[in-house]
Amino acid sequence: MLTTCHPFDEVAMPGPLIEVCVDSAEGLAAAIAGGADRIELCAALAVGGLTPSAGLMALAARAPVPVYAMIRPRDGDFVYGLAEVEVMLTDIQAVRDAGLAGVVFGASCEDGTLDLAVLRDLVGASVGIGQTLHRAFDLVPDQERALQDVIALSIPRVLTSGGARAAVDGRAQLARLFDLANGAITIMPGSGINAETIHALRHLPLAEVHASCANAIAVAPAAVALGFSTPTRRQTSAAELRALRAALSD
């Protein structure tokens, strides 16, 4: 059962804060049961996460931990037109209205660099609530320069794998980003992090980590046959989250 708390109180368990991404009511409940410190609320995690529904946001507003909502109007890249930016700004207001703690967003130019003009609009719309720059950061050709741009925008946190498909493969670049950030911004490693892979990142000065803590479960064959789903879907697991917590505490 979800209970009510102040949405802006972030009190982590001992060790790095664990943010868990979820895209369903069931996943939200499992993340809370497993002891998540913060939730990233999405729809459609199979495509990297989209903006969650109003109903899911309303449910998540009753969670006992802070919840940040993904602001991403469609799948694909992060190059957005004016109409899409308008949708994103409206969705940020919906997050405010729901009483959630923050938002997760990003925007790219055609060459992969950060779209600073769009990001300024998104930052301005979300003043007063938490902000995370998502893995659009992993598409930039020069992460060191991009990090300085993010700091200048006063975004307090960037979610990144170090430009690799999985954080463990980007650990050398993550180490460089931590050094460059020097405490001016939180570097939150994410992608492929679990109880086994986290050991390869333990040398980093981790303050926060991002994980799905999910297992693959089978989908009904009829739904797959009609094109409604892939053969499996990912489901948040409280046990996987507890295992990650234990690995971080070793």
Foldseek 3Di string as FASTA:
>chain_A
DFAADQQADQDADPFAQEEAEDEDPQQLVQCLLLRHREYEYFHDCVLPGAFHDLVVLLVCNRHPHAYAYEQHHDGDAQADDPVSLVVSLVSLVSNVVSNGQYYEEFHADPQLAGPLVSVLVNLVSTPPGAYEYEASCLSDPDNLVSVVSCLVSVRAEYEYLLNDQAVLVNLVSLQVVCVSCVVSHAYEYEHPDFLVSCVSNLVHPHNYYYYNCWDWDADPVVCVVVPNDPRTDTHHHSVRSNSNVVSSVD
